Amino acid sequence: RATYLYAGIADLYAETGDDALWSSLEKIWQNVVHQKMYITGGC
């Protein structure tokens, strides 16, 4: 549910340029990649 949500929000940002959406996406991405993602890319 989370990764589908983030993918959909990123898709919406690409059409709207809503910086508030991108700000959260970037923070969540940093959190996943640096603190919650497996070495295999698993989630």
ModelCIF file with pLDDT and N, C-alpha, C, O atoms, coordinates in Angstrom:
data_MODEL
#
_entry.id   MODEL 
#
_entity.id                         1 
_entity.type                       polymer 
_entity.pdbx_number_of_molecules   1 
#
_entity_poly.entity_id                      1 
_entity_poly.type                           'polypeptide(L)' 
_entity_poly.nstd_linkage                   no 
_entity_poly.nstd_monomer                   no 
_entity_poly.pdbx_seq_one_letter_code       RATYLYAGIADLYAETGDDALWSSLEKIWQNVVHQKMYITGGC 
_entity_poly.pdbx_seq_one_letter_code_can   RATYLYAGIADLYAETGDDALWSSLEKIWQNVVHQKMYITGGC 
_entity_poly.pdbx_strand_id                 A 
#
loop_
_entity_poly_seq.entity_id 
_entity_poly_seq.num 
_entity_poly_seq.mon_id 
_entity_poly_seq.hetero 
1 1  ARG n 
1 2  ALA n 
1 3  THR n 
1 4  TYR n 
1 5  LEU n 
1 6  TYR n 
1 7  ALA n 
1 8  GLY n 
1 9  ILE n 
1 10 ALA n 
1 11 ASP n 
1 12 LEU n 
1 13 TYR n 
1 14 ALA n 
1 15 GLU n 
1 16 THR n 
1 17 GLY n 
1 18 ASP n 
1 19 ASP n 
1 20 ALA n 
1 21 LEU n 
1 22 TRP n 
1 23 SER n 
1 24 SER n 
1 25 LEU n 
1 26 GLU n 
1 27 LYS n 
1 28 ILE n 
1 29 TRP n 
1 30 GLN n 
1 31 ASN n 
1 32 VAL n 
1 33 VAL n 
1 34 HIS n 
1 35 GLN n 
1 36 LYS n 
1 37 MET n 
1 38 TYR n 
1 39 ILE n 
1 40 THR n 
1 41 GLY n 
1 42 GLY n 
1 43 CYS n 
#
_struct_asym.id          A 
_struct_asym.entity_id   1 
#
loop_
_ma_qa_metric.id 
_ma_qa_metric.mode 
_ma_qa_metric.name 
_ma_qa_metric.software_group_id 
_ma_qa_metric.type 
1 global pLDDT . pLDDT 
2 local  pLDDT . pLDDT 
#
_ma_qa_metric_global.metric_id      1 
_ma_qa_metric_global.metric_value   97.56 
_ma_qa_metric_global.model_id       1 
_ma_qa_metric_global.ordinal_id     1 
#
loop_
_ma_qa_metric_local.label_asym_id 
_ma_qa_metric_local.label_comp_id 
_ma_qa_metric_local.label_seq_id 
_ma_qa_metric_local.metric_id 
_ma_qa_metric_local.metric_value 
_ma_qa_metric_local.model_id 
_ma_qa_metric_local.ordinal_id 
A ARG 1  2 97.00 1 1  
A ALA 2  2 97.00 1 2  
A THR 3  2 98.00 1 3  
A TYR 4  2 98.00 1 4  
A LEU 5  2 98.00 1 5  
A TYR 6  2 98.00 1 6  
A ALA 7  2 98.00 1 7  
A GLY 8  2 98.00 1 8  
A ILE 9  2 98.00 1 9  
A ALA 10 2 98.00 1 10 
A ASP 11 2 97.00 1 11 
A LEU 12 2 98.00 1 12 
A TYR 13 2 97.00 1 13 
A ALA 14 2 97.00 1 14 
A GLU 15 2 96.00 1 15 
A THR 16 2 96.00 1 16 
A GLY 17 2 96.00 1 17 
A ASP 18 2 96.00 1 18 
A ASP 19 2 96.00 1 19 
A ALA 20 2 97.00 1 20 
A LEU 21 2 97.00 1 21 
A TRP 22 2 97.00 1 22 
A SER 23 2 97.00 1 23 
A SER 24 2 98.00 1 24 
A LEU 25 2 98.00 1 25 
A GLU 26 2 98.00 1 26 
A LYS 27 2 98.00 1 27 
A ILE 28 2 98.00 1 28 
A TRP 29 2 98.00 1 29 
A GLN 30 2 98.00 1 30 
A ASN 31 2 98.00 1 31 
A VAL 32 2 98.00 1 32 
A VAL 33 2 98.00 1 33 
A HIS 34 2 98.00 1 34 
A GLN 35 2 98.00 1 35 
A LYS 36 2 98.00 1 36 
A MET 37 2 98.00 1 37 
A TYR 38 2 98.00 1 38 
A ILE 39 2 98.00 1 39 
A THR 40 2 98.00 1 40 
A GLY 41 2 98.00 1 41 
A GLY 42 2 98.00 1 42 
A CYS 43 2 98.00 1 43 
#
loop_
_atom_site.group_PDB 
_atom_site.id 
_atom_site.type_symbol 
_atom_site.label_atom_id 
_atom_site.label_alt_id 
_atom_site.label_comp_id 
_atom_site.label_asym_id 
_atom_site.label_entity_id 
_atom_site.label_seq_id 
_atom_site.pdbx_PDB_ins_code 
_atom_site.Cartn_x 
_atom_site.Cartn_y 
_atom_site.Cartn_z 
_atom_site.occupancy 
_atom_site.B_iso_or_equiv 
_atom_site.pdbx_formal_charge 
_atom_site.auth_seq_id 
_atom_site.auth_comp_id 
_atom_site.auth_asym_id 
_atom_site.auth_atom_id 
_atom_site.pdbx_PDB_model_num 
ATOM 1   N N  . ARG A 1 1  ? 0.837  -1.205 0.000   1.00 97.00 ? 1  ARG A N  1 
ATOM 2   C CA . ARG A 1 1  ? 0.000  0.000  0.000   1.00 97.00 ? 1  ARG A CA 1 
ATOM 3   C C  . ARG A 1 1  ? 0.873  1.256  0.000   1.00 97.00 ? 1  ARG A C  1 
ATOM 4   O O  . ARG A 1 1  ? 0.573  2.237  -0.682  1.00 97.00 ? 1  ARG A O  1 
ATOM 5   N N  . ALA A 1 2  ? 1.962  1.208  0.780   1.00 97.00 ? 2  ALA A N  1 
ATOM 6   C CA . ALA A 1 2  ? 2.833  2.376  0.885   1.00 97.00 ? 2  ALA A CA 1 
ATOM 7   C C  . ALA A 1 2  ? 3.517  2.673  -0.443  1.00 97.00 ? 2  ALA A C  1 
ATOM 8   O O  . ALA A 1 2  ? 3.454  3.804  -0.925  1.00 97.00 ? 2  ALA A O  1 
ATOM 9   N N  . THR A 1 3  ? 4.162  1.691  -1.036  1.00 98.00 ? 3  THR A N  1 
ATOM 10  C CA . THR A 1 3  ? 4.914  1.954  -2.269  1.00 98.00 ? 3  THR A CA 1 
ATOM 11  C C  . THR A 1 3  ? 3.981  2.299  -3.427  1.00 98.00 ? 3  THR A C  1 
ATOM 12  O O  . THR A 1 3  ? 4.344  3.104  -4.285  1.00 98.00 ? 3  THR A O  1 
ATOM 13  N N  . TYR A 1 4  ? 2.794  1.711  -3.468  1.00 98.00 ? 4  TYR A N  1 
ATOM 14  C CA . TYR A 1 4  ? 1.807  2.105  -4.481  1.00 98.00 ? 4  TYR A CA 1 
ATOM 15  C C  . TYR A 1 4  ? 1.381  3.561  -4.268  1.00 98.00 ? 4  TYR A C  1 
ATOM 16  O O  . TYR A 1 4  ? 1.233  4.321  -5.225  1.00 98.00 ? 4  TYR A O  1 
ATOM 17  N N  . LEU A 1 5  ? 1.186  3.937  -3.002  1.00 98.00 ? 5  LEU A N  1 
ATOM 18  C CA . LEU A 1 5  ? 0.820  5.322  -2.690  1.00 98.00 ? 5  LEU A CA 1 
ATOM 19  C C  . LEU A 1 5  ? 1.921  6.275  -3.137  1.00 98.00 ? 5  LEU A C  1 
ATOM 20  O O  . LEU A 1 5  ? 1.649  7.278  -3.795  1.00 98.00 ? 5  LEU A O  1 
ATOM 21  N N  . TYR A 1 6  ? 3.158  5.963  -2.782  1.00 98.00 ? 6  TYR A N  1 
ATOM 22  C CA . TYR A 1 6  ? 4.265  6.856  -3.114  1.00 98.00 ? 6  TYR A CA 1 
ATOM 23  C C  . TYR A 1 6  ? 4.450  6.953  -4.629  1.00 98.00 ? 6  TYR A C  1 
ATOM 24  O O  . TYR A 1 6  ? 4.768  8.020  -5.154  1.00 98.00 ? 6  TYR A O  1 
ATOM 25  N N  . ALA A 1 7  ? 4.248  5.832  -5.328  1.00 98.00 ? 7  ALA A N  1 
ATOM 26  C CA . ALA A 1 7  ? 4.350  5.870  -6.797  1.00 98.00 ? 7  ALA A CA 1 
ATOM 27  C C  . ALA A 1 7  ? 3.261  6.757  -7.387  1.00 98.00 ? 7  ALA A C  1 
ATOM 28  O O  . ALA A 1 7  ? 3.520  7.547  -8.294  1.00 98.00 ? 7  ALA A O  1 
ATOM 29  N N  . GLY A 1 8  ? 2.047  6.624  -6.869  1.00 98.00 ? 8  GLY A N  1 
ATOM 30  C CA . GLY A 1 8  ? 0.950  7.440  -7.379  1.00 98.00 ? 8  GLY A CA 1 
ATOM 31  C C  . GLY A 1 8  ? 1.138  8.918  -7.098  1.00 98.00 ? 8  GLY A C  1 
ATOM 32  O O  . GLY A 1 8  ? 0.834  9.759  -7.943  1.00 98.00 ? 8  GLY A O  1 
ATOM 33  N N  . ILE A 1 9  ? 1.643  9.238  -5.903  1.00 98.00 ? 9  ILE A N  1 
ATOM 34  C CA . ILE A 1 9  ? 1.889  10.639 -5.556  1.00 98.00 ? 9  ILE A CA 1 
ATOM 35  C C  . ILE A 1 9  ? 3.003  11.216 -6.435  1.00 98.00 ? 9  ILE A C  1 
ATOM 36  O O  . ILE A 1 9  ? 2.917  12.362 -6.876  1.00 98.00 ? 9  ILE A O  1 
ATOM 37  N N  . ALA A 1 10 ? 4.048  10.422 -6.689  1.00 98.00 ? 10 ALA A N  1 
ATOM 38  C CA . ALA A 1 10 ? 5.122  10.883 -7.579  1.00 98.00 ? 10 ALA A CA 1 
ATOM 39  C C  . ALA A 1 10 ? 4.582  11.143 -8.977  1.00 98.00 ? 10 ALA A C  1 
ATOM 40  O O  . ALA A 1 10 ? 4.974  12.110 -9.630  1.00 98.00 ? 10 ALA A O  1 
ATOM 41  N N  . ASP A 1 11 ? 3.681  10.277 -9.436  1.00 97.00 ? 11 ASP A N  1 
ATOM 42  C CA . ASP A 1 11 ? 3.042  10.465 -10.737 1.00 97.00 ? 11 ASP A CA 1 
ATOM 43  C C  . ASP A 1 11 ? 2.237  11.761 -10.765 1.00 97.00 ? 11 ASP A C  1 
ATOM 44  O O  . ASP A 1 11 ? 2.267  12.503 -11.747 1.00 97.00 ? 11 ASP A O  1 
ATOM 45  N N  . LEU A 1 12 ? 1.517  12.023 -9.672  1.00 98.00 ? 12 LEU A N  1 
ATOM 46  C CA . LEU A 1 12 ? 0.718  13.249 -9.601  1.00 98.00 ? 12 LEU A CA 1 
ATOM 47  C C  . LEU A 1 12 ? 1.620  14.479 -9.555  1.00 98.00 ? 12 LEU A C  1 
ATOM 48  O O  . LEU A 1 12 ? 1.334  15.483 -10.206 1.00 98.00 ? 12 LEU A O  1 
ATOM 49  N N  . TYR A 1 13 ? 2.705  14.405 -8.790  1.00 97.00 ? 13 TYR A N  1 
ATOM 50  C CA . TYR A 1 13 ? 3.633  15.535 -8.745  1.00 97.00 ? 13 TYR A CA 1 
ATOM 51  C C  . TYR A 1 13 ? 4.148  15.880 -10.140 1.00 97.00 ? 13 TYR A C  1 
ATOM 52  O O  . TYR A 1 13 ? 4.298  17.056 -10.473 1.00 97.00 ? 13 TYR A O  1 
ATOM 53  N N  . ALA A 1 14 ? 4.418  14.863 -10.953 1.00 97.00 ? 14 ALA A N  1 
ATOM 54  C CA . ALA A 1 14 ? 4.951  15.096 -12.294 1.00 97.00 ? 14 ALA A CA 1 
ATOM 55  C C  . ALA A 1 14 ? 3.990  15.890 -13.170 1.00 97.00 ? 14 ALA A C  1 
ATOM 56  O O  . ALA A 1 14 ? 4.407  16.494 -14.158 1.00 97.00 ? 14 ALA A O  1 
ATOM 57  N N  . GLU A 1 15 ? 2.710  15.893 -12.818 1.00 96.00 ? 15 GLU A N  1 
ATOM 58  C CA . GLU A 1 15 ? 1.721  16.661 -13.583 1.00 96.00 ? 15 GLU A CA 1 
ATOM 59  C C  . GLU A 1 15 ? 1.392  18.005 -12.950 1.00 96.00 ? 15 GLU A C  1 
ATOM 60  O O  . GLU A 1 15 ? 0.987  18.939 -13.643 1.00 96.00 ? 15 GLU A O  1 
ATOM 61  N N  . THR A 1 16 ? 1.563  18.106 -11.635 1.00 96.00 ? 16 THR A N  1 
ATOM 62  C CA . THR A 1 16 ? 1.117  19.323 -10.940 1.00 96.00 ? 16 THR A CA 1 
ATOM 63  C C  . THR A 1 16 ? 2.265  20.195 -10.438 1.00 96.00 ? 16 THR A C  1 
ATOM 64  O O  . THR A 1 16 ? 2.106  21.408 -10.303 1.00 96.00 ? 16 THR A O  1 
ATOM 65  N N  . GLY A 1 17 ? 3.416  19.589 -10.162 1.00 96.00 ? 17 GLY A N  1 
ATOM 66  C CA . GLY A 1 17 ? 4.517  20.355 -9.584  1.00 96.00 ? 17 GLY A CA 1 
ATOM 67  C C  . GLY A 1 17 ? 4.260  20.818 -8.163  1.00 96.00 ? 17 GLY A C  1 
ATOM 68  O O  . GLY A 1 17 ? 4.842  21.806 -7.716  1.00 96.00 ? 17 GLY A O  1 
ATOM 69  N N  . ASP A 1 18 ? 3.386  20.108 -7.442  1.00 96.00 ? 18 ASP A N  1 
ATOM 70  C CA . ASP A 1 18 ? 3.056  20.483 -6.074  1.00 96.00 ? 18 ASP A CA 1 
ATOM 71  C C  . ASP A 1 18 ? 4.254  20.185 -5.163  1.00 96.00 ? 18 ASP A C  1 
ATOM 72  O O  . ASP A 1 18 ? 4.532  19.026 -4.855  1.00 96.00 ? 18 ASP A O  1 
ATOM 73  N N  . ASP A 1 19 ? 4.951  21.224 -4.743  1.00 96.00 ? 19 ASP A N  1 
ATOM 74  C CA . ASP A 1 19 ? 6.181  21.046 -3.971  1.00 96.00 ? 19 ASP A CA 1 
ATOM 75  C C  . ASP A 1 19 ? 5.940  20.375 -2.625  1.00 96.00 ? 19 ASP A C  1 
ATOM 76  O O  . ASP A 1 19 ? 6.832  19.707 -2.103  1.00 96.00 ? 19 ASP A O  1 
ATOM 77  N N  . ALA A 1 20 ? 4.756  20.541 -2.060  1.00 97.00 ? 20 ALA A N  1 
ATOM 78  C CA . ALA A 1 20 ? 4.462  19.906 -0.773  1.00 97.00 ? 20 ALA A CA 1 
ATOM 79  C C  . ALA A 1 20 ? 4.463  18.390 -0.925  1.00 97.00 ? 20 ALA A C  1 
ATOM 80  O O  . ALA A 1 20 ? 4.930  17.676 -0.038  1.00 97.00 ? 20 ALA A O  1 
ATOM 81  N N  . LEU A 1 21 ? 3.940  17.896 -2.051  1.00 97.00 ? 21 LEU A N  1 
ATOM 82  C CA . LEU A 1 21 ? 3.957  16.456 -2.305  1.00 97.00 ? 21 LEU A CA 1 
ATOM 83  C C  . LEU A 1 21 ? 5.392  15.963 -2.450  1.00 97.00 ? 21 LEU A C  1 
ATOM 84  O O  . LEU A 1 21 ? 5.766  14.943 -1.871  1.00 97.00 ? 21 LEU A O  1 
ATOM 85  N N  . TRP A 1 22 ? 6.194  16.693 -3.227  1.00 97.00 ? 22 TRP A N  1 
ATOM 86  C CA . TRP A 1 22 ? 7.571  16.256 -3.466  1.00 97.00 ? 22 TRP A CA 1 
ATOM 87  C C  . TRP A 1 22 ? 8.393  16.286 -2.186  1.00 97.00 ? 22 TRP A C  1 
ATOM 88  O O  . TRP A 1 22 ? 9.245  15.422 -1.976  1.00 97.00 ? 22 TRP A O  1 
ATOM 89  N N  . SER A 1 23 ? 8.151  17.260 -1.341  1.00 97.00 ? 23 SER A N  1 
ATOM 90  C CA . SER A 1 23 ? 8.887  17.362 -0.084  1.00 97.00 ? 23 SER A CA 1 
ATOM 91  C C  . SER A 1 23 ? 8.689  16.111 0.759   1.00 97.00 ? 23 SER A C  1 
ATOM 92  O O  . SER A 1 23 ? 9.649  15.558 1.297   1.00 97.00 ? 23 SER A O  1 
ATOM 93  N N  . SER A 1 24 ? 7.435  15.666 0.874   1.00 98.00 ? 24 SER A N  1 
ATOM 94  C CA . SER A 1 24 ? 7.180  14.445 1.645   1.00 98.00 ? 24 SER A CA 1 
ATOM 95  C C  . SER A 1 24 ? 7.752  13.222 0.947   1.00 98.00 ? 24 SER A C  1 
ATOM 96  O O  . SER A 1 24 ? 8.327  12.349 1.596   1.00 98.00 ? 24 SER A O  1 
ATOM 97  N N  . LEU A 1 25 ? 7.601  13.153 -0.367  1.00 98.00 ? 25 LEU A N  1 
ATOM 98  C CA . LEU A 1 25 ? 8.143  12.017 -1.112  1.00 98.00 ? 25 LEU A CA 1 
ATOM 99  C C  . LEU A 1 25 ? 9.642  11.884 -0.896  1.00 98.00 ? 25 LEU A C  1 
ATOM 100 O O  . LEU A 1 25 ? 10.142 10.783 -0.664  1.00 98.00 ? 25 LEU A O  1 
ATOM 101 N N  . GLU A 1 26 ? 10.359 12.991 -0.970  1.00 98.00 ? 26 GLU A N  1 
ATOM 102 C CA . GLU A 1 26 ? 11.810 12.942 -0.832  1.00 98.00 ? 26 GLU A CA 1 
ATOM 103 C C  . GLU A 1 26 ? 12.210 12.516 0.580   1.00 98.00 ? 26 GLU A C  1 
ATOM 104 O O  . GLU A 1 26 ? 13.155 11.746 0.750   1.00 98.00 ? 26 GLU A O  1 
ATOM 105 N N  . LYS A 1 27 ? 11.503 13.006 1.584   1.00 98.00 ? 27 LYS A N  1 
ATOM 106 C CA . LYS A 1 27 ? 11.813 12.611 2.963   1.00 98.00 ? 27 LYS A CA 1 
ATOM 107 C C  . LYS A 1 27 ? 11.536 11.127 3.179   1.00 98.00 ? 27 LYS A C  1 
ATOM 108 O O  . LYS A 1 27 ? 12.325 10.427 3.813   1.00 98.00 ? 27 LYS A O  1 
ATOM 109 N N  . ILE A 1 28 ? 10.422 10.657 2.653   1.00 98.00 ? 28 ILE A N  1 
ATOM 110 C CA . ILE A 1 28 ? 10.074 9.242  2.802   1.00 98.00 ? 28 ILE A CA 1 
ATOM 111 C C  . ILE A 1 28 ? 11.085 8.381  2.050   1.00 98.00 ? 28 ILE A C  1 
ATOM 112 O O  . ILE A 1 28 ? 11.493 7.328  2.539   1.00 98.00 ? 28 ILE A O  1 
ATOM 113 N N  . TRP A 1 29 ? 11.489 8.828  0.857   1.00 98.00 ? 29 TRP A N  1 
ATOM 114 C CA . TRP A 1 29 ? 12.474 8.074  0.083   1.00 98.00 ? 29 TRP A CA 1 
ATOM 115 C C  . TRP A 1 29 ? 13.782 7.943  0.848   1.00 98.00 ? 29 TRP A C  1 
ATOM 116 O O  . TRP A 1 29 ? 14.362 6.859  0.919   1.00 98.00 ? 29 TRP A O  1 
ATOM 117 N N  . GLN A 1 30 ? 14.240 9.040  1.413   1.00 98.00 ? 30 GLN A N  1 
ATOM 118 C CA . GLN A 1 30 ? 15.473 9.001  2.199   1.00 98.00 ? 30 GLN A CA 1 
ATOM 119 C C  . GLN A 1 30 ? 15.325 8.034  3.376   1.00 98.00 ? 30 GLN A C  1 
ATOM 120 O O  . GLN A 1 30 ? 16.257 7.298  3.699   1.00 98.00 ? 30 GLN A O  1 
ATOM 121 N N  . ASN A 1 31 ? 14.169 8.039  4.006   1.00 98.00 ? 31 ASN A N  1 
ATOM 122 C CA . ASN A 1 31 ? 13.924 7.153  5.138   1.00 98.00 ? 31 ASN A CA 1 
ATOM 123 C C  . ASN A 1 31 ? 13.971 5.686  4.714   1.00 98.00 ? 31 ASN A C  1 
ATOM 124 O O  . ASN A 1 31 ? 14.568 4.857  5.401   1.00 98.00 ? 31 ASN A O  1 
ATOM 125 N N  . VAL A 1 32 ? 13.345 5.370  3.588   1.00 98.00 ? 32 VAL A N  1 
ATOM 126 C CA . VAL A 1 32 ? 13.337 3.988  3.114   1.00 98.00 ? 32 VAL A CA 1 
ATOM 127 C C  . VAL A 1 32 ? 14.747 3.540  2.749   1.00 98.00 ? 32 VAL A C  1 
ATOM 128 O O  . VAL A 1 32 ? 15.217 2.510  3.232   1.00 98.00 ? 32 VAL A O  1 
ATOM 129 N N  . VAL A 1 33 ? 15.417 4.302  1.907   1.00 98.00 ? 33 VAL A N  1 
ATOM 130 C CA . VAL A 1 33 ? 16.703 3.870  1.356   1.00 98.00 ? 33 VAL A CA 1 
ATOM 131 C C  . VAL A 1 33 ? 17.785 3.812  2.427   1.00 98.00 ? 33 VAL A C  1 
ATOM 132 O O  . VAL A 1 33 ? 18.668 2.957  2.361   1.00 98.00 ? 33 VAL A O  1 
ATOM 133 N N  . HIS A 1 34 ? 17.734 4.693  3.399   1.00 98.00 ? 34 HIS A N  1 
ATOM 134 C CA . HIS A 1 34 ? 18.818 4.774  4.373   1.00 98.00 ? 34 HIS A CA 1 
ATOM 135 C C  . HIS A 1 34 ? 18.496 4.130  5.717   1.00 98.00 ? 34 HIS A C  1 
ATOM 136 O O  . HIS A 1 34 ? 19.381 3.980  6.559   1.00 98.00 ? 34 HIS A O  1 
ATOM 137 N N  . GLN A 1 35 ? 17.220 3.744  5.926   1.00 98.00 ? 35 GLN A N  1 
ATOM 138 C CA . GLN A 1 35 ? 16.890 3.193  7.234   1.00 98.00 ? 35 GLN A CA 1 
ATOM 139 C C  . GLN A 1 35 ? 15.937 1.992  7.198   1.00 98.00 ? 35 GLN A C  1 
ATOM 140 O O  . GLN A 1 35 ? 15.801 1.305  8.211   1.00 98.00 ? 35 GLN A O  1 
ATOM 141 N N  . LYS A 1 36 ? 15.280 1.719  6.076   1.00 98.00 ? 36 LYS A N  1 
ATOM 142 C CA . LYS A 1 36 ? 14.251 0.670  6.109   1.00 98.00 ? 36 LYS A CA 1 
ATOM 143 C C  . LYS A 1 36 ? 14.293 -0.311 4.940   1.00 98.00 ? 36 LYS A C  1 
ATOM 144 O O  . LYS A 1 36 ? 13.489 -1.243 4.908   1.00 98.00 ? 36 LYS A O  1 
ATOM 145 N N  . MET A 1 37 ? 15.181 -0.139 3.999   1.00 98.00 ? 37 MET A N  1 
ATOM 146 C CA . MET A 1 37 ? 15.215 -1.014 2.829   1.00 98.00 ? 37 MET A CA 1 
ATOM 147 C C  . MET A 1 37 ? 16.280 -2.089 2.999   1.00 98.00 ? 37 MET A C  1 
ATOM 148 O O  . MET A 1 37 ? 17.367 -1.836 3.520   1.00 98.00 ? 37 MET A O  1 
ATOM 149 N N  . TYR A 1 38 ? 15.947 -3.287 2.550   1.00 98.00 ? 38 TYR A N  1 
ATOM 150 C CA . TYR A 1 38 ? 16.910 -4.380 2.597   1.00 98.00 ? 38 TYR A CA 1 
ATOM 151 C C  . TYR A 1 38 ? 17.986 -4.198 1.528   1.00 98.00 ? 38 TYR A C  1 
ATOM 152 O O  . TYR A 1 38 ? 17.793 -3.461 0.560   1.00 98.00 ? 38 TYR A O  1 
ATOM 153 N N  . ILE A 1 39 ? 19.100 -4.865 1.707   1.00 98.00 ? 39 ILE A N  1 
ATOM 154 C CA . ILE A 1 39 ? 20.205 -4.783 0.761   1.00 98.00 ? 39 ILE A CA 1 
ATOM 155 C C  . ILE A 1 39 ? 19.799 -5.306 -0.614  1.00 98.00 ? 39 ILE A C  1 
ATOM 156 O O  . ILE A 1 39 ? 20.458 -5.002 -1.608  1.00 98.00 ? 39 ILE A O  1 
ATOM 157 N N  . THR A 1 40 ? 18.729 -6.082 -0.681  1.00 98.00 ? 40 THR A N  1 
ATOM 158 C CA . THR A 1 40 ? 18.192 -6.601 -1.938  1.00 98.00 ? 40 THR A CA 1 
ATOM 159 C C  . THR A 1 40 ? 17.215 -5.646 -2.617  1.00 98.00 ? 40 THR A C  1 
ATOM 160 O O  . THR A 1 40 ? 16.719 -5.943 -3.704  1.00 98.00 ? 40 THR A O  1 
ATOM 161 N N  . GLY A 1 41 ? 16.932 -4.501 -1.990  1.00 98.00 ? 41 GLY A N  1 
ATOM 162 C CA . GLY A 1 41 ? 15.887 -3.608 -2.488  1.00 98.00 ? 41 GLY A CA 1 
ATOM 163 C C  . GLY A 1 41 ? 14.515 -3.992 -1.995  1.00 98.00 ? 41 GLY A C  1 
ATOM 164 O O  . GLY A 1 41 ? 13.517 -3.393 -2.398  1.00 98.00 ? 41 GLY A O  1 
ATOM 165 N N  . GLY A 1 42 ? 14.449 -5.003 -1.110  1.00 98.00 ? 42 GLY A N  1 
ATOM 166 C CA . GLY A 1 42 ? 13.167 -5.443 -0.566  1.00 98.00 ? 42 GLY A CA 1 
ATOM 167 C C  . GLY A 1 42 ? 12.585 -4.446 0.413   1.00 98.00 ? 42 GLY A C  1 
ATOM 168 O O  . GLY A 1 42 ? 13.315 -3.705 1.073   1.00 98.00 ? 42 GLY A O  1 
ATOM 169 N N  . CYS A 1 43 ? 11.252 -4.433 0.504   1.00 98.00 ? 43 CYS A N  1 
ATOM 170 C CA . CYS A 1 43 ? 10.531 -3.498 1.380   1.00 98.00 ? 43 CYS A CA 1 
ATOM 171 C C  . CYS A 1 43 ? 9.497  -4.249 2.211   1.00 98.00 ? 43 CYS A C  1 
ATOM 172 O O  . CYS A 1 43 ? 8.787  -3.639 3.011   1.00 98.00 ? 43 CYS A O  1 
#
